[in-house]
N, C-alpha and C. Protein backbone atom coordinates (compact mmCIF):
# COMPACT_ATOMS: atom_id res chain seq x y z
N MET A 1 5.07 -18.47 44.78
CA MET A 1 6.72 -18.96 44.83
C MET A 1 7.27 -18.30 43.59
N LYS A 2 6.67 -18.05 42.51
CA LYS A 2 7.00 -17.43 41.02
C LYS A 2 7.18 -15.81 41.51
N ASP A 3 6.16 -15.23 41.91
CA ASP A 3 6.49 -13.78 42.47
C ASP A 3 7.84 -13.85 43.43
N PHE A 4 8.15 -14.85 44.30
CA PHE A 4 9.44 -14.60 45.24
C PHE A 4 10.76 -14.63 44.27
N LEU A 5 10.58 -15.57 42.95
CA LEU A 5 11.78 -16.16 42.15
C LEU A 5 12.04 -14.73 41.64
N ILE A 6 10.78 -13.71 40.89
CA ILE A 6 11.23 -12.93 39.94
C ILE A 6 11.79 -11.37 40.70
N LYS A 7 11.19 -11.46 42.23
CA LYS A 7 11.72 -10.52 43.09
C LYS A 7 13.28 -10.56 43.35
N ILE A 8 13.37 -11.89 43.45
CA ILE A 8 15.10 -11.86 43.86
C ILE A 8 15.88 -11.69 42.67
N VAL A 9 15.43 -12.38 41.47
CA VAL A 9 16.44 -12.09 40.46
C VAL A 9 16.13 -10.68 39.83
N LYS A 10 15.02 -10.05 40.09
CA LYS A 10 15.31 -8.66 39.18
C LYS A 10 16.18 -7.94 40.02
N SER A 11 16.84 -8.01 41.41
CA SER A 11 17.26 -7.49 42.20
C SER A 11 19.01 -7.54 41.98
N LEU A 12 19.13 -8.91 41.21
CA LEU A 12 20.73 -9.42 40.68
C LEU A 12 21.00 -8.91 39.49
N VAL A 13 19.86 -8.69 38.58
CA VAL A 13 20.26 -8.40 36.94
C VAL A 13 20.32 -7.00 36.68
N GLU A 14 21.09 -6.90 35.46
CA GLU A 14 21.46 -5.39 34.67
C GLU A 14 20.12 -4.91 34.26
N ASN A 15 19.32 -6.10 33.66
CA ASN A 15 18.45 -5.77 32.82
C ASN A 15 17.32 -6.31 33.19
N PRO A 16 16.36 -5.87 34.68
CA PRO A 16 15.07 -6.37 35.26
C PRO A 16 14.05 -6.75 34.40
N GLU A 17 13.97 -5.61 33.27
CA GLU A 17 12.77 -5.68 32.64
C GLU A 17 12.45 -7.15 31.84
N GLN A 18 13.50 -7.84 31.63
CA GLN A 18 13.79 -8.79 30.48
C GLN A 18 13.48 -10.27 31.39
N VAL A 19 13.33 -10.44 32.56
CA VAL A 19 13.18 -11.26 33.17
C VAL A 19 11.76 -11.93 33.47
N GLN A 20 11.93 -13.20 32.78
CA GLN A 20 10.44 -13.76 32.63
C GLN A 20 10.47 -15.26 33.46
N VAL A 21 9.48 -15.60 34.05
CA VAL A 21 9.43 -16.87 34.72
C VAL A 21 8.14 -17.27 33.98
N ASN A 22 8.46 -18.75 33.68
CA ASN A 22 7.04 -19.74 33.43
C ASN A 22 7.14 -20.63 34.43
N GLU A 23 5.57 -20.84 34.85
CA GLU A 23 5.28 -21.93 35.51
C GLU A 23 4.97 -23.28 35.29
N ILE A 24 5.13 -24.36 35.25
CA ILE A 24 4.99 -25.38 34.78
C ILE A 24 4.15 -26.36 35.91
N GLU A 25 2.88 -26.71 36.43
CA GLU A 25 2.48 -27.23 37.46
C GLU A 25 2.17 -28.58 37.04
N GLY A 26 2.83 -29.58 38.04
CA GLY A 26 2.32 -30.97 37.89
C GLY A 26 1.53 -31.19 39.14
N SER A 27 1.31 -32.46 39.90
CA SER A 27 0.37 -33.04 40.52
C SER A 27 1.37 -32.46 41.72
N GLN A 28 2.72 -32.94 42.06
CA GLN A 28 3.73 -32.69 43.23
C GLN A 28 4.34 -31.46 42.94
N THR A 29 5.01 -31.68 41.31
CA THR A 29 6.32 -30.49 41.17
C THR A 29 5.95 -29.59 40.49
N VAL A 30 6.27 -28.42 40.79
CA VAL A 30 6.12 -27.02 40.07
C VAL A 30 7.52 -26.66 39.39
N VAL A 31 7.70 -26.67 38.35
CA VAL A 31 8.62 -26.35 37.30
C VAL A 31 9.06 -24.78 37.14
N LEU A 32 9.80 -23.99 37.81
CA LEU A 32 9.79 -22.69 37.29
C LEU A 32 11.17 -22.30 36.45
N GLU A 33 10.48 -21.78 35.06
CA GLU A 33 11.48 -21.67 33.91
C GLU A 33 12.23 -20.34 34.21
N LEU A 34 13.21 -20.01 33.94
CA LEU A 34 13.64 -18.76 34.10
C LEU A 34 14.47 -18.13 33.03
N SER A 35 13.88 -17.23 32.48
CA SER A 35 14.68 -16.35 31.42
C SER A 35 14.81 -14.98 31.64
N VAL A 36 16.15 -14.95 31.49
CA VAL A 36 16.98 -13.26 31.60
C VAL A 36 17.64 -12.97 30.21
N ALA A 37 18.05 -11.81 30.33
CA ALA A 37 18.75 -11.50 29.04
C ALA A 37 20.33 -12.16 28.77
N LYS A 38 20.67 -12.14 27.37
CA LYS A 38 21.64 -12.94 27.11
C LYS A 38 23.31 -12.35 28.40
N SER A 39 23.08 -10.98 28.30
CA SER A 39 24.12 -10.30 28.91
C SER A 39 24.33 -10.53 30.51
N ASP A 40 22.80 -11.10 31.52
CA ASP A 40 22.46 -11.34 32.33
C ASP A 40 22.69 -12.84 33.10
N MET A 41 22.77 -13.57 31.92
CA MET A 41 22.62 -15.12 31.91
C MET A 41 24.18 -15.22 32.92
N GLY A 42 25.26 -14.70 32.96
CA GLY A 42 26.71 -15.35 33.79
C GLY A 42 26.33 -14.90 35.05
N MET A 43 25.75 -13.64 35.16
CA MET A 43 25.47 -13.28 36.50
C MET A 43 24.46 -14.15 37.39
N ILE A 44 23.51 -14.99 36.36
CA ILE A 44 22.30 -15.85 37.23
C ILE A 44 23.12 -16.91 37.72
N ILE A 45 23.69 -17.70 36.54
CA ILE A 45 24.80 -18.82 36.56
C ILE A 45 25.84 -18.68 37.77
N GLY A 46 26.23 -17.73 37.45
CA GLY A 46 27.55 -17.66 39.13
C GLY A 46 28.94 -18.53 38.20
N LYS A 47 29.76 -18.27 39.30
CA LYS A 47 31.04 -18.74 38.91
C LYS A 47 30.75 -20.69 39.62
N GLN A 48 30.99 -21.37 38.58
CA GLN A 48 30.92 -22.83 38.68
C GLN A 48 29.21 -23.06 39.21
N GLY A 49 28.47 -22.40 38.74
CA GLY A 49 26.68 -22.35 39.13
C GLY A 49 26.56 -22.24 40.50
N LYS A 50 27.22 -21.53 41.54
CA LYS A 50 26.82 -21.64 42.59
C LYS A 50 25.77 -20.48 42.81
N MET A 51 25.60 -19.40 41.98
CA MET A 51 24.38 -18.47 42.17
C MET A 51 23.36 -19.52 42.25
N ALA A 52 23.20 -20.35 40.85
CA ALA A 52 22.11 -21.03 40.51
C ALA A 52 21.90 -21.89 41.64
N ASN A 53 22.39 -22.70 42.31
CA ASN A 53 22.45 -23.32 43.10
C ASN A 53 21.87 -22.73 44.41
N ALA A 54 22.22 -21.80 44.55
CA ALA A 54 21.77 -20.84 45.85
C ALA A 54 20.47 -20.50 45.55
N LEU A 55 19.99 -20.09 44.19
CA LEU A 55 18.46 -19.89 44.02
C LEU A 55 17.56 -21.15 44.57
N ARG A 56 18.31 -22.37 43.99
CA ARG A 56 17.59 -23.50 44.09
C ARG A 56 17.49 -23.53 45.46
N SER A 57 18.61 -23.57 46.50
CA SER A 57 18.36 -23.87 47.83
C SER A 57 17.23 -23.00 48.48
N LEU A 58 17.05 -21.76 47.76
CA LEU A 58 15.86 -20.96 48.64
C LEU A 58 14.71 -21.18 48.43
N LEU A 59 14.53 -21.88 46.79
CA LEU A 59 13.34 -22.33 46.52
C LEU A 59 12.83 -23.68 47.25
N ASN A 60 13.72 -24.35 47.35
CA ASN A 60 13.62 -25.71 48.33
C ASN A 60 13.12 -25.24 49.39
N ALA A 61 13.86 -24.11 50.35
CA ALA A 61 13.59 -23.76 51.66
C ALA A 61 12.35 -22.99 51.87
N ALA A 62 11.58 -22.13 50.77
CA ALA A 62 10.61 -21.40 50.91
C ALA A 62 9.53 -22.71 50.47
N SER A 63 9.64 -23.66 49.65
CA SER A 63 8.75 -24.58 49.21
C SER A 63 8.29 -25.38 50.20
N GLY A 64 9.04 -25.40 51.57
CA GLY A 64 8.39 -26.30 52.62
C GLY A 64 6.68 -26.03 52.81
N LYS A 65 6.35 -25.09 53.15
CA LYS A 65 5.10 -24.34 53.53
C LYS A 65 4.31 -24.62 52.46
N ALA A 66 4.69 -24.58 51.45
CA ALA A 66 3.72 -24.55 49.87
C ALA A 66 3.07 -26.57 49.99
N GLY A 67 4.13 -27.37 50.37
CA GLY A 67 3.56 -28.58 50.10
C GLY A 67 4.12 -28.88 48.58
N LYS A 68 4.21 -28.53 48.07
CA LYS A 68 5.10 -28.99 46.71
C LYS A 68 6.47 -28.94 46.59
N ARG A 69 7.09 -29.60 45.44
CA ARG A 69 8.55 -29.28 45.41
C ARG A 69 8.85 -28.62 44.35
N TYR A 70 9.44 -27.44 43.98
CA TYR A 70 9.89 -26.27 42.98
C TYR A 70 10.98 -26.67 42.62
N MET A 71 11.19 -26.61 41.34
CA MET A 71 12.45 -27.00 40.20
C MET A 71 12.46 -25.73 39.73
N LEU A 72 13.84 -25.43 39.73
CA LEU A 72 14.27 -24.20 38.58
C LEU A 72 15.12 -24.67 37.56
N GLU A 73 14.78 -24.17 36.32
CA GLU A 73 15.40 -24.29 35.23
C GLU A 73 15.70 -22.99 34.69
N ILE A 74 17.10 -22.69 34.40
CA ILE A 74 17.26 -21.77 33.78
C ILE A 74 17.63 -21.92 31.94
N VAL A 75 16.73 -21.26 31.31
CA VAL A 75 16.83 -21.28 29.95
C VAL A 75 16.94 -20.03 29.19
N GLU A 76 17.74 -20.60 27.92
CA GLU A 76 18.26 -18.99 27.26
C GLU A 76 17.19 -18.65 26.12
């Protein structure tokens, strides 16, 4: 799932080399911490958080087969 998120985010930002995803696993939940360049932060969050919500929806849809719940956190 981490690779899936990295691939999507790298196609959206202007500085793909600065995209980093940290994966924190729990028993039933996995938290993916996404960090991008400061200049790309607005593009990832989007207007009124629509892009961030879309990324979260994609993770929820893709996590059905994995059997775990994935949560996305965007960190600075």
